[in-house]
Amino acid sequence: MLKKPQPLTVSFVIAFVVYQCLWHLIAPLAVVRLWYKGKKEPGYRLHLLERFGFYEEDDFLHAVWVHAVSVGETRAAAPLIEKLIAAGQRVLLTHMTPTGRQTGAELFSSQITQHQLIQRYIPYDFLWPISRFYRHYAPVKGILMETEIWPGVLFFARSRFPIYLINGRLSIKSSMKFARYGKLSQSLFSLFQRVLAQTNMDQENYQLFGVNDCVVTGNLKFDVILPQEKILQGQHWKTLWQSRQVVCAASTREGEENLIINAWKKMNPENRPLLFIVPRHLPRVKEIEEILHRQQMIYTKRSQIQDASEVTSDVLIGDTMGEMAFYLSCADYVLMGGTLMGTGGQNLIEPLSLGKPVILGPSTYNFAQICQDAIVAGIAIPIRGDTEESLQIALQECMENLIKIPQIIQNMATLSRGYAQLHQGATEKTLEGLNY
């Protein structure tokens, strides 16, 4: 049942009108930006009209609308979407990135063929595109993932259908940003029918903005079933390297690779682990290659090899799409990208689910609760440093310690699997929160 809309303040309405006017002004620049991004990723140049609410003719009225921005959100939503379809619902799945759309096409190929699910791009967040989108599909319910809070999407659905925020996370840093706008933020959050939060910390942060209907359902990513063939392939490759340790620097961000490589180079050459570098964004592969060239280091790219025996260097660059489970399965432990250079960290659930201990740098605000819990549970190793140099030394010492005492990795791996199993079940709780 759609809850009765709360009256909006005059200040919110004025701010929203200004926001809409700004969108009309920057819309041409948004197209230019898409075309520019299409140089590196051609998918951005496809389906441009969908960004403005123009869709091909289809018969998909009154479906459940799920918005999953990119790859991570699409994978996280997969178990939930499968449950919705099994319950007789049709699903309209929208994305913002080509990689998210490609991932959805791979995960739901059979459902798409059976006309149980269709994929589209979410339109830009202003009046005409959003209104066309809502008229064309008339969803019965909207489901946004994690951090997706779009004023236009929420406002124009206000009297049409309920919108839920699921797997919601609101870091302290994001809370401080919203707090700058005072009651405007409270009015914005009031447009959600309900918020289903990942953790107690997230729930408390939402409640600061007047979100009373907020329940903790856990993290959907614990319920994601990783591709078994990739896991088995990674495990097979690992056996071929016998007793040599392998570290996977997963989802690295700009500036981190240089720090990691420098720490790795200072280790005893006879004991260095095999280093996998898997960047968060694949277009950065060339940048990483340039770093390795400058340091006169030999490396192998995953896209150029088919078998573990072809890895003749000490560094492998993960430059393929959809193989994170493979890279993680090859590793003894994981260095979590995004935690070294102030970008807030990336999600560590996949490595934990595979029984891989993680090393965490000081920047973990995007996933503060789970990082804190993982450290307390003894499945994550925090490293600290006030400067890049001190952080580099801390990383070097940590990796050297894991070489000296490999039993640490084995003990943490066992704890990691148990921790992941303990936190499964968010899908069922989310379905209950959505009244299914």
Protein backbone atom coordinates (compact mmCIF):
# COMPACT_ATOMS: atom_id res chain seq x y z
CA MET A 1 0.00 0.00 0.00
CA LEU A 2 1.31 3.42 -0.95
CA LYS A 3 1.79 5.48 2.19
CA LYS A 4 0.21 8.90 2.29
CA PRO A 5 2.76 11.45 0.95
CA GLN A 6 4.02 13.84 3.60
CA PRO A 7 3.61 17.55 2.87
CA LEU A 8 6.80 18.99 1.39
CA THR A 9 8.27 22.21 2.71
CA VAL A 10 8.34 25.34 0.58
CA SER A 11 12.14 25.32 0.74
CA PHE A 12 12.24 21.78 -0.64
CA VAL A 13 9.92 22.63 -3.54
CA ILE A 14 12.02 25.69 -4.43
CA ALA A 15 15.25 23.68 -4.23
CA PHE A 16 13.69 20.94 -6.38
CA VAL A 17 12.61 23.44 -9.05
CA VAL A 18 16.15 24.85 -9.15
CA TYR A 19 17.50 21.29 -9.43
CA GLN A 20 15.20 20.59 -12.37
CA CYS A 21 16.24 23.81 -14.12
CA LEU A 22 19.90 22.90 -13.72
CA TRP A 23 19.24 19.49 -15.29
CA HIS A 24 17.72 21.16 -18.35
CA LEU A 25 20.87 23.24 -18.69
CA ILE A 26 23.39 20.41 -18.27
CA ALA A 27 21.53 17.76 -20.29
CA PRO A 28 23.52 18.53 -23.49
CA LEU A 29 26.75 18.25 -21.51
CA ALA A 30 25.60 14.86 -20.19
CA VAL A 31 25.33 13.59 -23.77
CA VAL A 32 28.80 14.93 -24.58
CA ARG A 33 30.13 13.18 -21.48
CA LEU A 34 28.53 9.88 -22.55
CA TRP A 35 30.04 10.21 -26.02
CA TYR A 36 33.44 10.96 -24.53
CA LYS A 37 33.24 7.96 -22.18
CA GLY A 38 32.25 5.90 -25.22
CA LYS A 39 35.79 6.29 -26.57
CA LYS A 40 37.02 3.89 -23.91
CA GLU A 41 33.79 1.96 -23.41
CA PRO A 42 31.65 1.88 -26.61
CA GLY A 43 28.58 0.70 -24.71
CA TYR A 44 28.01 4.25 -23.46
CA ARG A 45 27.11 5.27 -27.01
CA LEU A 46 24.34 2.69 -27.31
CA HIS A 47 20.68 3.23 -26.36
CA LEU A 48 21.19 6.98 -25.95
CA LEU A 49 17.47 7.73 -26.34
CA GLU A 50 16.69 5.61 -23.28
CA ARG A 51 18.60 8.17 -21.20
CA PHE A 52 15.85 10.64 -22.19
CA GLY A 53 12.90 8.32 -21.62
CA PHE A 54 12.38 7.11 -25.19
CA TYR A 55 11.94 3.34 -25.30
CA GLU A 56 11.07 0.85 -28.00
CA GLU A 57 7.57 -0.57 -28.00
CA ASP A 58 7.17 -3.43 -25.56
CA ASP A 59 4.51 -5.02 -23.41
CA PHE A 60 5.91 -4.64 -19.91
CA LEU A 61 3.39 -2.58 -17.98
CA HIS A 62 3.02 -2.93 -14.22
CA ALA A 63 6.23 -4.82 -13.54
CA VAL A 64 8.41 -4.53 -10.45
CA TRP A 65 11.14 -2.03 -11.25
CA VAL A 66 14.63 -2.79 -9.90
CA HIS A 67 17.43 -0.28 -10.44
CA ALA A 68 20.97 -1.69 -10.23
CA VAL A 69 23.56 0.87 -11.29
CA SER A 70 26.49 -1.29 -12.32
CA VAL A 71 28.06 -4.74 -11.98
CA GLY A 72 28.20 -5.02 -8.19
CA GLU A 73 24.60 -3.94 -7.63
CA THR A 74 23.36 -6.17 -10.46
CA ARG A 75 25.04 -9.24 -8.98
CA ALA A 76 23.81 -8.35 -5.50
CA ALA A 77 20.24 -8.03 -6.76
CA ALA A 78 20.32 -11.33 -8.67
CA PRO A 79 19.04 -13.66 -5.90
CA LEU A 80 16.26 -11.20 -5.07
CA ILE A 81 15.22 -10.83 -8.71
CA GLU A 82 15.13 -14.60 -9.14
CA LYS A 83 12.84 -14.86 -6.09
CA LEU A 84 10.54 -12.15 -7.43
CA ILE A 85 10.23 -13.89 -10.79
CA ALA A 86 9.62 -17.24 -9.08
CA ALA A 87 6.78 -15.54 -7.18
CA GLY A 88 5.15 -14.59 -10.50
CA GLN A 89 6.42 -11.01 -10.83
CA ARG A 90 7.88 -9.57 -14.00
CA VAL A 91 10.93 -7.38 -13.52
CA LEU A 92 12.01 -4.19 -15.25
CA LEU A 93 15.76 -3.99 -14.58
CA THR A 94 17.48 -0.66 -15.18
CA HIS A 95 21.15 0.26 -15.12
CA MET A 96 23.37 3.27 -15.49
CA THR A 97 26.51 1.64 -16.92
CA PRO A 98 27.09 -0.64 -19.92
CA THR A 99 28.96 -3.13 -17.72
CA GLY A 100 25.95 -3.39 -15.43
CA ARG A 101 23.68 -3.98 -18.41
CA GLN A 102 26.04 -6.59 -19.86
CA THR A 103 26.21 -8.39 -16.51
CA GLY A 104 22.42 -8.40 -16.25
CA ALA A 105 22.11 -9.81 -19.76
CA GLU A 106 24.43 -12.67 -18.81
CA LEU A 107 22.79 -13.41 -15.47
CA PHE A 108 19.19 -13.29 -16.72
CA SER A 109 19.47 -14.53 -20.29
CA SER A 110 16.80 -17.21 -19.81
CA GLN A 111 14.40 -14.83 -18.02
CA ILE A 112 14.83 -12.30 -20.82
CA THR A 113 14.07 -14.97 -23.42
CA GLN A 114 10.96 -15.99 -21.49
CA HIS A 115 9.81 -12.36 -21.32
CA GLN A 116 10.00 -12.35 -17.52
CA LEU A 117 12.58 -9.55 -17.42
CA ILE A 118 13.68 -6.68 -19.63
CA GLN A 119 16.63 -4.32 -19.33
CA ARG A 120 16.75 -0.59 -19.91
CA TYR A 121 18.83 2.42 -18.92
CA ILE A 122 17.37 4.64 -16.22
CA PRO A 123 16.58 8.08 -17.69
CA TYR A 124 18.23 11.29 -16.58
CA ASP A 125 16.77 12.71 -13.40
CA PHE A 126 14.55 15.48 -14.70
CA LEU A 127 10.90 15.97 -15.55
CA TRP A 128 10.47 14.90 -19.18
CA PRO A 129 12.60 11.71 -19.23
CA ILE A 130 11.37 10.46 -15.84
CA SER A 131 7.72 11.18 -16.69
CA ARG A 132 8.02 9.34 -20.01
CA PHE A 133 9.64 6.41 -18.24
CA TYR A 134 6.84 6.20 -15.68
CA ARG A 135 4.09 6.54 -18.30
CA HIS A 136 5.68 3.92 -20.54
CA TYR A 137 6.10 1.24 -17.87
CA ALA A 138 3.84 2.27 -14.94
CA PRO A 139 5.72 0.12 -12.40
CA VAL A 140 3.79 -1.27 -9.45
CA LYS A 141 6.82 -0.83 -7.19
CA GLY A 142 10.28 0.73 -7.45
CA ILE A 143 13.37 -0.77 -5.81
CA LEU A 144 16.61 1.23 -5.68
CA MET A 145 19.90 -0.29 -4.53
CA GLU A 146 22.36 0.86 -1.87
CA THR A 147 23.18 4.56 -2.37
CA GLU A 148 20.84 5.53 -5.20
CA ILE A 149 18.94 8.62 -4.04
CA TRP A 150 17.63 10.62 -7.01
CA PRO A 151 15.31 13.55 -6.24
CA GLY A 152 13.49 13.43 -9.59
CA VAL A 153 12.98 9.68 -9.52
CA LEU A 154 11.52 9.91 -6.01
CA PHE A 155 9.47 13.08 -6.45
CA PHE A 156 7.70 12.10 -9.66
CA ALA A 157 6.83 8.65 -8.25
CA ARG A 158 5.34 10.28 -5.15
CA SER A 159 1.67 9.78 -6.06
CA ARG A 160 2.16 6.93 -8.52
CA PHE A 161 3.81 3.97 -6.77
CA PRO A 162 6.01 3.24 -3.73
CA ILE A 163 9.80 3.28 -3.97
CA TYR A 164 11.98 1.31 -1.58
CA LEU A 165 15.69 1.63 -0.91
CA ILE A 166 17.18 -1.83 -0.32
CA ASN A 167 20.62 -2.98 0.75
CA GLY A 168 20.92 0.61 1.87
CA ARG A 169 24.19 1.96 3.17
CA LEU A 170 24.85 5.46 4.42
CA SER A 171 28.39 6.13 5.58
CA ILE A 172 29.30 8.79 8.12
CA LYS A 173 30.93 10.78 5.32
CA SER A 174 27.74 10.68 3.24
CA SER A 175 25.67 11.53 6.33
CA MET A 176 27.75 14.66 6.85
CA LYS A 177 27.12 15.71 3.24
CA PHE A 178 23.36 15.26 3.61
CA ALA A 179 23.44 17.07 6.96
CA ARG A 180 24.62 20.23 5.21
CA TYR A 181 21.20 20.52 3.60
CA GLY A 182 19.27 20.10 6.86
CA LYS A 183 15.53 19.68 6.41
CA LEU A 184 15.91 19.40 2.63
CA SER A 185 17.57 16.02 3.15
CA GLN A 186 14.83 14.95 5.56
CA SER A 187 12.20 15.79 2.95
CA LEU A 188 14.14 13.84 0.33
CA PHE A 189 14.44 10.70 2.48
CA SER A 190 10.74 10.93 3.36
CA LEU A 191 9.93 10.13 -0.27
CA PHE A 192 10.98 6.51 0.25
CA GLN A 193 8.23 4.08 1.23
CA ARG A 194 10.73 2.19 3.39
CA VAL A 195 14.50 1.83 3.75
CA LEU A 196 16.03 -1.62 4.21
CA ALA A 197 19.51 -1.07 5.62
CA GLN A 198 22.58 -3.31 5.61
CA THR A 199 23.72 -2.71 9.19
CA ASN A 200 22.71 -1.15 12.50
CA MET A 201 25.15 1.68 11.77
CA ASP A 202 23.41 2.41 8.47
CA GLN A 203 20.02 2.31 10.18
CA GLU A 204 21.14 4.85 12.77
CA ASN A 205 22.45 7.16 10.05
CA TYR A 206 19.15 7.00 8.12
CA GLN A 207 17.18 7.69 11.29
CA LEU A 208 19.14 10.92 11.73
CA PHE A 209 17.21 12.16 8.68
CA GLY A 210 13.81 11.18 10.00
CA VAL A 211 13.57 7.76 8.31
CA ASN A 212 11.44 5.98 10.91
CA ASP A 213 10.44 3.05 8.72
CA CYS A 214 13.93 1.61 8.44
CA VAL A 215 14.78 -2.02 9.17
CA VAL A 216 18.06 -3.91 9.09
CA THR A 217 17.99 -6.78 6.59
CA GLY A 218 21.70 -7.49 6.14
CA ASN A 219 23.81 -7.36 3.01
CA LEU A 220 22.46 -9.04 -0.13
CA LYS A 221 25.99 -9.63 -1.37
CA PHE A 222 26.44 -12.43 1.17
CA ASP A 223 23.72 -14.34 -0.74
CA VAL A 224 25.30 -13.98 -4.18
CA ILE A 225 26.24 -17.33 -5.70
CA LEU A 226 29.63 -16.88 -7.34
CA PRO A 227 30.32 -18.65 -10.68
CA GLN A 228 31.48 -22.12 -9.73
CA GLU A 229 33.46 -22.69 -12.94
CA LYS A 230 35.57 -19.59 -12.23
CA ILE A 231 36.16 -20.69 -8.64
CA LEU A 232 37.28 -24.16 -9.72
CA GLN A 233 39.54 -22.71 -12.41
CA GLY A 234 41.19 -20.40 -9.88
CA GLN A 235 41.68 -23.22 -7.41
CA HIS A 236 43.26 -25.36 -10.14
CA TRP A 237 45.70 -22.61 -11.10
CA LYS A 238 46.67 -22.18 -7.46
CA THR A 239 47.63 -25.85 -7.12
CA LEU A 240 50.01 -25.51 -10.08
CA TRP A 241 52.00 -22.84 -8.22
CA GLN A 242 52.55 -25.35 -5.40
CA SER A 243 53.62 -23.67 -2.15
CA ARG A 244 54.13 -20.15 -3.51
CA GLN A 245 51.87 -17.54 -1.95
CA VAL A 246 49.59 -15.49 -4.17
CA VAL A 247 48.22 -12.07 -3.21
CA CYS A 248 45.37 -10.47 -5.16
CA ALA A 249 45.17 -6.67 -5.04
CA ALA A 250 41.46 -6.51 -5.85
CA SER A 251 39.53 -3.52 -7.20
CA THR A 252 42.48 -1.16 -6.93
CA ARG A 253 42.00 2.56 -7.46
CA GLU A 254 44.21 5.30 -8.86
CA GLY A 255 47.51 5.71 -7.01
CA GLU A 256 47.27 2.42 -5.14
CA GLU A 257 49.12 0.25 -7.64
CA ASN A 258 52.32 2.27 -7.30
CA LEU A 259 52.23 1.93 -3.50
CA ILE A 260 51.53 -1.81 -3.71
CA ILE A 261 54.28 -2.45 -6.25
CA ASN A 262 56.84 -0.49 -4.22
CA ALA A 263 55.99 -2.45 -1.06
CA TRP A 264 56.17 -5.73 -2.98
CA LYS A 265 59.53 -4.85 -4.59
CA LYS A 266 61.16 -4.24 -1.21
CA MET A 267 60.42 -7.78 -0.10
CA ASN A 268 63.09 -10.49 -0.37
CA PRO A 269 63.00 -11.54 -4.07
CA GLU A 270 63.22 -15.20 -3.05
CA ASN A 271 60.04 -14.97 -0.99
CA ARG A 272 57.86 -12.50 -2.85
CA PRO A 273 54.31 -13.70 -3.45
CA LEU A 274 52.94 -13.83 -6.96
CA LEU A 275 51.10 -10.51 -7.33
CA PHE A 276 47.75 -10.15 -9.08
CA ILE A 277 46.63 -6.58 -9.77
CA VAL A 278 42.94 -6.30 -10.67
CA PRO A 279 41.86 -2.66 -11.13
CA ARG A 280 38.37 -1.50 -10.23
CA HIS A 281 38.00 0.05 -13.69
CA LEU A 282 39.42 -1.85 -16.66
CA PRO A 283 40.22 1.27 -18.74
CA ARG A 284 43.01 1.88 -16.19
CA VAL A 285 44.95 -1.19 -17.34
CA LYS A 286 47.14 0.91 -19.65
CA GLU A 287 47.97 3.21 -16.74
CA ILE A 288 49.09 0.20 -14.67
CA GLU A 289 51.18 -1.08 -17.55
CA GLU A 290 52.94 2.28 -17.72
CA ILE A 291 53.79 2.06 -14.00
CA LEU A 292 55.27 -1.40 -14.49
CA HIS A 293 57.23 -0.26 -17.57
CA ARG A 294 58.71 2.66 -15.63
CA GLN A 295 59.86 0.28 -12.94
CA GLN A 296 61.23 -2.11 -15.59
CA MET A 297 59.04 -4.94 -14.35
CA ILE A 298 57.88 -7.87 -16.45
CA TYR A 299 54.20 -8.71 -16.23
CA THR A 300 51.55 -10.93 -17.78
CA LYS A 301 48.02 -9.93 -18.78
CA ARG A 302 45.21 -12.39 -18.11
CA SER A 303 43.63 -11.74 -21.50
CA GLN A 304 46.74 -13.03 -23.25
CA ILE A 305 47.00 -16.40 -21.51
CA GLN A 306 44.84 -19.49 -21.12
CA ASP A 307 46.75 -21.58 -18.60
CA ALA A 308 48.68 -21.11 -15.35
CA SER A 309 51.84 -22.44 -17.00
CA GLU A 310 51.90 -19.35 -19.22
CA VAL A 311 52.40 -17.06 -16.20
CA THR A 312 56.17 -16.57 -16.43
CA SER A 313 56.36 -13.24 -14.57
CA ASP A 314 55.84 -12.29 -10.94
CA VAL A 315 53.00 -9.89 -11.72
CA LEU A 316 49.69 -10.62 -13.45
CA ILE A 317 47.25 -7.87 -14.46
CA GLY A 318 43.60 -8.84 -14.30
CA ASP A 319 42.28 -7.19 -17.46
CA THR A 320 39.21 -9.34 -18.10
CA MET A 321 35.57 -8.74 -17.27
CA GLY A 322 33.55 -11.01 -14.98
CA GLU A 323 36.46 -13.00 -13.56
CA MET A 324 36.86 -11.60 -10.06
CA ALA A 325 35.86 -14.96 -8.54
CA PHE A 326 38.68 -16.55 -10.54
CA TYR A 327 41.28 -14.02 -9.39
CA LEU A 328 40.22 -14.32 -5.76
CA SER A 329 40.24 -18.12 -5.90
CA CYS A 330 43.84 -18.06 -7.12
CA ALA A 331 44.90 -16.06 -4.07
CA ASP A 332 45.96 -16.99 -0.55
CA TYR A 333 44.88 -13.58 0.69
CA VAL A 334 43.49 -10.33 -0.71
CA LEU A 335 44.63 -6.73 -0.47
CA MET A 336 41.40 -4.74 -0.64
CA GLY A 337 41.49 -1.94 -3.18
CA GLY A 338 40.13 1.50 -2.38
CA THR A 339 41.38 1.32 1.21
CA LEU A 340 44.87 2.76 0.69
CA MET A 341 44.36 6.20 -0.85
CA GLY A 342 41.31 7.69 0.84
CA THR A 343 38.56 6.47 -1.49
CA GLY A 344 36.61 4.59 1.18
CA GLY A 345 37.28 1.00 0.15
CA GLN A 346 35.59 -1.60 -2.00
CA ASN A 347 33.34 -4.45 -0.93
CA LEU A 348 35.16 -7.28 0.83
CA ILE A 349 32.30 -9.77 0.90
CA GLU A 350 33.40 -11.79 -2.15
CA PRO A 351 36.86 -12.61 -0.79
CA LEU A 352 35.44 -13.42 2.65
CA SER A 353 32.84 -15.72 1.07
CA LEU A 354 35.66 -17.60 -0.64
CA GLY A 355 37.59 -17.92 2.61
CA LYS A 356 40.21 -15.33 1.71
CA PRO A 357 41.59 -13.15 4.52
CA VAL A 358 41.86 -9.48 3.59
CA ILE A 359 44.33 -6.69 4.27
CA LEU A 360 42.63 -3.35 4.81
CA GLY A 361 44.19 0.07 4.53
CA PRO A 362 42.97 3.01 6.67
CA SER A 363 40.21 4.22 4.30
CA THR A 364 37.13 2.04 4.84
CA TYR A 365 34.27 4.52 5.33
CA ASN A 366 32.16 3.07 2.48
CA PHE A 367 31.98 -0.26 4.30
CA ALA A 368 32.80 0.82 7.86
CA GLN A 369 30.64 -1.68 9.75
CA ILE A 370 31.66 -4.81 7.86
CA CYS A 371 35.34 -3.81 7.92
CA GLN A 372 35.17 -3.23 11.67
CA ASP A 373 33.34 -6.53 12.17
CA ALA A 374 35.85 -8.40 9.99
CA ILE A 375 38.79 -7.03 12.00
CA VAL A 376 37.11 -8.00 15.30
CA ALA A 377 36.32 -11.47 13.90
CA GLY A 378 39.98 -11.97 13.05
CA ILE A 379 39.48 -12.29 9.30
CA ALA A 380 40.90 -8.91 8.25
CA ILE A 381 44.28 -7.34 8.96
CA PRO A 382 44.31 -3.55 9.29
CA ILE A 383 47.42 -1.64 8.24
CA ARG A 384 47.94 2.00 9.13
CA GLY A 385 50.19 4.85 8.07
CA ASP A 386 50.00 8.64 8.19
CA THR A 387 51.96 9.00 4.97
CA GLU A 388 52.20 7.02 1.75
CA GLU A 389 55.69 5.92 2.73
CA SER A 390 54.66 4.68 6.19
CA LEU A 391 51.66 2.88 4.71
CA GLN A 392 53.94 1.25 2.16
CA ILE A 393 56.24 0.02 4.94
CA ALA A 394 53.25 -1.32 6.90
CA LEU A 395 52.05 -3.24 3.84
CA GLN A 396 55.51 -4.67 3.21
CA GLU A 397 55.82 -5.83 6.83
CA CYS A 398 52.34 -7.37 6.73
CA MET A 399 53.09 -9.41 3.59
CA GLU A 400 56.47 -10.48 4.99
CA ASN A 401 54.77 -11.67 8.18
CA LEU A 402 52.32 -13.78 6.16
CA ILE A 403 55.29 -15.38 4.39
CA LYS A 404 56.98 -16.18 7.72
CA ILE A 405 53.83 -17.52 9.41
CA PRO A 406 51.57 -19.06 6.72
CA GLN A 407 49.43 -20.65 9.45
CA ILE A 408 47.89 -17.19 9.97
CA ILE A 409 46.32 -17.40 6.51
CA GLN A 410 44.96 -20.90 7.09
CA ASN A 411 43.35 -19.96 10.40
CA MET A 412 41.81 -16.78 8.99
CA ALA A 413 40.50 -18.64 5.93
CA THR A 414 38.51 -21.01 8.13
CA LEU A 415 37.06 -18.11 10.12
CA SER A 416 36.19 -16.23 6.90
CA ARG A 417 34.00 -19.02 5.54
CA GLY A 418 32.13 -19.31 8.80
CA TYR A 419 31.63 -15.55 8.98
CA ALA A 420 30.17 -15.43 5.45
CA GLN A 421 27.77 -18.30 6.14
CA LEU A 422 26.62 -16.66 9.36
CA HIS A 423 25.63 -13.49 7.48
CA GLN A 424 23.60 -15.10 4.71
CA GLY A 425 19.82 -14.70 4.53
CA ALA A 426 19.45 -11.03 3.55
CA THR A 427 17.40 -11.96 0.46
CA GLU A 428 14.57 -13.48 2.49
CA LYS A 429 14.57 -10.58 4.95
CA THR A 430 14.47 -8.12 2.03
CA LEU A 431 11.50 -9.90 0.48
CA GLU A 432 9.68 -9.61 3.80
CA GLY A 433 10.55 -5.92 3.96
CA LEU A 434 9.10 -5.48 0.47
CA ASN A 435 5.90 -7.27 1.58
CA TYR A 436 6.40 -10.38 -0.57
